[in-house]
Amino acid sequence: MEKVYSEQAKTCEVIQAGKATVDRLLQFSRTLHLVEYKDFTFEANLN
């Protein structure tokens, strides 16, 4: 077990998102509506 914990963890790379990707995600988040009723959650994407 010592061997597993003594190894250094690999670091991840930071990836930059493009303007088009960010705009698309923002547009999607604006149209997504969640409706909760009792124990249910309904998702609706209103275009």
PDB file of N, CA and C in Angstrom:
ATOM      1  N   MET A   1       0.805  -1.203   0.000  1.00  0.00           N
ATOM      2  CA  MET A   1       0.000   0.000   0.000  1.00  0.00           C
ATOM      3  C   MET A   1       0.846   1.264   0.000  1.00  0.00           C
ATOM      4  N   GLU A   2       2.013   1.216   0.579  1.00  0.00           N
ATOM      5  CA  GLU A   2       2.862   2.396   0.612  1.00  0.00           C
ATOM      6  C   GLU A   2       3.182   2.892  -0.783  1.00  0.00           C
ATOM      7  N   LYS A   3       3.386   1.971  -1.675  1.00  0.00           N
ATOM      8  CA  LYS A   3       3.787   2.333  -3.026  1.00  0.00           C
ATOM      9  C   LYS A   3       2.700   3.151  -3.739  1.00  0.00           C
ATOM     10  N   VAL A   4       1.447   2.804  -3.529  1.00  0.00           N
ATOM     11  CA  VAL A   4       0.341   3.492  -4.187  1.00  0.00           C
ATOM     12  C   VAL A   4       0.258   4.946  -3.722  1.00  0.00           C
ATOM     13  N   TYR A   5       0.382   5.182  -2.441  1.00  0.00           N
ATOM     14  CA  TYR A   5       0.219   6.522  -1.898  1.00  0.00           C
ATOM     15  C   TYR A   5       1.459   7.391  -2.057  1.00  0.00           C
ATOM     16  N   SER A   6       2.592   6.767  -2.275  1.00  0.00           N
ATOM     17  CA  SER A   6       3.812   7.558  -2.382  1.00  0.00           C
ATOM     18  C   SER A   6       4.027   8.138  -3.781  1.00  0.00           C
ATOM     19  N   GLU A   7       3.303   7.619  -4.779  1.00  0.00           N
ATOM     20  CA  GLU A   7       3.446   8.143  -6.138  1.00  0.00           C
ATOM     21  C   GLU A   7       2.786   9.515  -6.230  1.00  0.00           C
ATOM     22  N   GLN A   8       3.396  10.376  -7.021  1.00  0.00           N
ATOM     23  CA  GLN A   8       2.851  11.722  -7.182  1.00  0.00           C
ATOM     24  C   GLN A   8       1.680  11.685  -8.160  1.00  0.00           C
ATOM     25  N   ALA A   9       0.623  12.384  -7.815  1.00  0.00           N
ATOM     26  CA  ALA A   9      -0.567  12.417  -8.665  1.00  0.00           C
ATOM     27  C   ALA A   9      -0.279  13.236  -9.925  1.00  0.00           C
ATOM     28  N   LYS A  10      -0.864  12.794 -11.034  1.00  0.00           N
ATOM     29  CA  LYS A  10      -0.703  13.521 -12.292  1.00  0.00           C
ATOM     30  C   LYS A  10      -1.567  14.777 -12.257  1.00  0.00           C
ATOM     31  N   THR A  11      -1.047  15.848 -12.801  1.00  0.00           N
ATOM     32  CA  THR A  11      -1.811  17.095 -12.846  1.00  0.00           C
ATOM     33  C   THR A  11      -2.594  17.156 -14.151  1.00  0.00           C
ATOM     34  N   CYS A  12      -3.669  17.889 -14.129  1.00  0.00           N
ATOM     35  CA  CYS A  12      -4.486  18.031 -15.330  1.00  0.00           C
ATOM     36  C   CYS A  12      -4.164  19.353 -16.025  1.00  0.00           C
ATOM     37  N   GLU A  13      -4.455  19.398 -17.299  1.00  0.00           N
ATOM     38  CA  GLU A  13      -4.218  20.602 -18.086  1.00  0.00           C
ATOM     39  C   GLU A  13      -5.477  21.466 -18.090  1.00  0.00           C
ATOM     40  N   VAL A  14      -5.289  22.764 -18.089  1.00  0.00           N
ATOM     41  CA  VAL A  14      -6.411  23.692 -18.179  1.00  0.00           C
ATOM     42  C   VAL A  14      -6.697  23.927 -19.658  1.00  0.00           C
ATOM     43  N   ILE A  15      -7.940  23.719 -20.036  1.00  0.00           N
ATOM     44  CA  ILE A  15      -8.341  23.892 -21.435  1.00  0.00           C
ATOM     45  C   ILE A  15      -9.207  25.142 -21.531  1.00  0.00           C
ATOM     46  N   GLN A  16      -8.888  26.013 -22.444  1.00  0.00           N
ATOM     47  CA  GLN A  16      -9.651  27.241 -22.631  1.00  0.00           C
ATOM     48  C   GLN A  16     -10.821  26.976 -23.576  1.00  0.00           C
ATOM     49  N   ALA A  17     -12.011  27.385 -23.168  1.00  0.00           N
ATOM     50  CA  ALA A  17     -13.195  27.249 -24.004  1.00  0.00           C
ATOM     51  C   ALA A  17     -13.286  28.444 -24.939  1.00  0.00           C
ATOM     52  N   GLY A  18     -13.727  28.194 -26.165  1.00  0.00           N
ATOM     53  CA  GLY A  18     -13.878  29.263 -27.141  1.00  0.00           C
ATOM     54  C   GLY A  18     -15.136  30.076 -26.890  1.00  0.00           C
ATOM     55  N   LYS A  19     -15.201  31.239 -27.504  1.00  0.00           N
ATOM     56  CA  LYS A  19     -16.359  32.123 -27.326  1.00  0.00           C
ATOM     57  C   LYS A  19     -17.643  31.452 -27.804  1.00  0.00           C
ATOM     58  N   ALA A  20     -17.569  30.707 -28.906  1.00  0.00           N
ATOM     59  CA  ALA A  20     -18.762  30.036 -29.437  1.00  0.00           C
ATOM     60  C   ALA A  20     -19.281  28.990 -28.451  1.00  0.00           C
ATOM     61  N   THR A  21     -18.393  28.273 -27.799  1.00  0.00           N
ATOM     62  CA  THR A  21     -18.796  27.258 -26.824  1.00  0.00           C
ATOM     63  C   THR A  21     -19.463  27.900 -25.623  1.00  0.00           C
ATOM     64  N   VAL A  22     -18.895  28.964 -25.133  1.00  0.00           N
ATOM     65  CA  VAL A  22     -19.460  29.662 -23.977  1.00  0.00           C
ATOM     66  C   VAL A  22     -20.828  30.244 -24.333  1.00  0.00           C
ATOM     67  N   ASP A  23     -20.952  30.836 -25.504  1.00  0.00           N
ATOM     68  CA  ASP A  23     -22.238  31.405 -25.931  1.00  0.00           C
ATOM     69  C   ASP A  23     -23.308  30.323 -26.035  1.00  0.00           C
ATOM     70  N   ARG A  24     -22.931  29.168 -26.574  1.00  0.00           N
ATOM     71  CA  ARG A  24     -23.901  28.065 -26.717  1.00  0.00           C
ATOM     72  C   ARG A  24     -24.359  27.549 -25.348  1.00  0.00           C
ATOM     73  N   LEU A  25     -23.435  27.417 -24.416  1.00  0.00           N
ATOM     74  CA  LEU A  25     -23.804  26.956 -23.073  1.00  0.00           C
ATOM     75  C   LEU A  25     -24.687  27.970 -22.354  1.00  0.00           C
ATOM     76  N   LEU A  26     -24.390  29.253 -22.507  1.00  0.00           N
ATOM     77  CA  LEU A  26     -25.228  30.286 -21.888  1.00  0.00           C
ATOM     78  C   LEU A  26     -26.622  30.302 -22.489  1.00  0.00           C
ATOM     79  N   GLN A  27     -26.705  30.136 -23.804  1.00  0.00           N
ATOM     80  CA  GLN A  27     -28.002  30.109 -24.475  1.00  0.00           C
ATOM     81  C   GLN A  27     -28.825  28.916 -23.988  1.00  0.00           C
ATOM     82  N   PHE A  28     -28.176  27.755 -23.845  1.00  0.00           N
ATOM     83  CA  PHE A  28     -28.873  26.570 -23.368  1.00  0.00           C
ATOM     84  C   PHE A  28     -29.359  26.769 -21.936  1.00  0.00           C
ATOM     85  N   SER A  29     -28.528  27.361 -21.086  1.00  0.00           N
ATOM     86  CA  SER A  29     -28.915  27.537 -19.690  1.00  0.00           C
ATOM     87  C   SER A  29     -30.066  28.532 -19.546  1.00  0.00           C
ATOM     88  N   ARG A  30     -30.175  29.472 -20.469  1.00  0.00           N
ATOM     89  CA  ARG A  30     -31.292  30.435 -20.424  1.00  0.00           C
ATOM     90  C   ARG A  30     -32.611  29.768 -20.798  1.00  0.00           C
ATOM     91  N   THR A  31     -32.571  28.773 -21.685  1.00  0.00           N
ATOM     92  CA  THR A  31     -33.806  28.141 -22.153  1.00  0.00           C
ATOM     93  C   THR A  31     -34.215  26.946 -21.303  1.00  0.00           C
ATOM     94  N   LEU A  32     -33.345  26.470 -20.426  1.00  0.00           N
ATOM     95  CA  LEU A  32     -33.653  25.303 -19.596  1.00  0.00           C
ATOM     96  C   LEU A  32     -34.471  25.732 -18.374  1.00  0.00           C
ATOM     97  N   HIS A  33     -35.600  25.093 -18.202  1.00  0.00           N
ATOM     98  CA  HIS A  33     -36.461  25.380 -17.056  1.00  0.00           C
ATOM     99  C   HIS A  33     -36.729  24.086 -16.301  1.00  0.00           C
ATOM    100  N   LEU A  34     -36.604  24.137 -14.995  1.00  0.00           N
ATOM    101  CA  LEU A  34     -36.874  22.990 -14.143  1.00  0.00           C
ATOM    102  C   LEU A  34     -38.147  23.256 -13.354  1.00  0.00           C
ATOM    103  N   VAL A  35     -39.023  22.270 -13.362  1.00  0.00           N
ATOM    104  CA  VAL A  35     -40.272  22.371 -12.616  1.00  0.00           C
ATOM    105  C   VAL A  35     -40.299  21.219 -11.623  1.00  0.00           C
ATOM    106  N   GLU A  36     -40.458  21.544 -10.360  1.00  0.00           N
ATOM    107  CA  GLU A  36     -40.517  20.516  -9.330  1.00  0.00           C
ATOM    108  C   GLU A  36     -41.952  20.357  -8.844  1.00  0.00           C
ATOM    109  N   TYR A  37     -42.396  19.115  -8.789  1.00  0.00           N
ATOM    110  CA  TYR A  37     -43.731  18.794  -8.302  1.00  0.00           C
ATOM    111  C   TYR A  37     -43.619  17.561  -7.418  1.00  0.00           C
ATOM    112  N   LYS A  38     -43.914  17.720  -6.153  1.00  0.00           N
ATOM    113  CA  LYS A  38     -43.770  16.667  -5.151  1.00  0.00           C
ATOM    114  C   LYS A  38     -42.355  16.102  -5.213  1.00  0.00           C
ATOM    115  N   ASP A  39     -42.186  14.818  -5.519  1.00  0.00           N
ATOM    116  CA  ASP A  39     -40.859  14.203  -5.569  1.00  0.00           C
ATOM    117  C   ASP A  39     -40.290  14.162  -6.990  1.00  0.00           C
ATOM    118  N   PHE A  40     -40.942  14.822  -7.930  1.00  0.00           N
ATOM    119  CA  PHE A  40     -40.526  14.766  -9.330  1.00  0.00           C
ATOM    120  C   PHE A  40     -39.906  16.088  -9.763  1.00  0.00           C
ATOM    121  N   THR A  41     -38.958  16.006 -10.672  1.00  0.00           N
ATOM    122  CA  THR A  41     -38.361  17.188 -11.284  1.00  0.00           C
ATOM    123  C   THR A  41     -38.492  17.037 -12.799  1.00  0.00           C
ATOM    124  N   PHE A  42     -39.127  17.988 -13.433  1.00  0.00           N
ATOM    125  CA  PHE A  42     -39.305  17.968 -14.874  1.00  0.00           C
ATOM    126  C   PHE A  42     -38.390  19.013 -15.499  1.00  0.00           C
ATOM    127  N   GLU A  43     -37.749  18.612 -16.586  1.00  0.00           N
ATOM    128  CA  GLU A  43     -36.873  19.529 -17.325  1.00  0.00           C
ATOM    129  C   GLU A  43     -37.538  19.887 -18.640  1.00  0.00           C
ATOM    130  N   ALA A  44     -37.536  21.153 -18.982  1.00  0.00           N
ATOM    131  CA  ALA A  44     -38.101  21.611 -20.246  1.00  0.00           C
ATOM    132  C   ALA A  44     -37.113  22.573 -20.898  1.00  0.00           C
ATOM    133  N   ASN A  45     -36.829  22.330 -22.163  1.00  0.00           N
ATOM    134  CA  ASN A  45     -35.948  23.226 -22.920  1.00  0.00           C
ATOM    135  C   ASN A  45     -36.843  24.049 -23.841  1.00  0.00           C
ATOM    136  N   LEU A  46     -37.083  25.291 -23.473  1.00  0.00           N
ATOM    137  CA  LEU A  46     -37.977  26.163 -24.218  1.00  0.00           C
ATOM    138  C   LEU A  46     -37.190  26.990 -25.217  1.00  0.00           C
ATOM    139  N   ASN A  47     -37.411  26.735 -26.474  1.00  0.00           N
ATOM    140  CA  ASN A  47     -36.706  27.481 -27.531  1.00  0.00           C
ATOM    141  C   ASN A  47     -37.502  28.701 -27.916  1.00  0.00           C
TER     142      ASN A  47
END
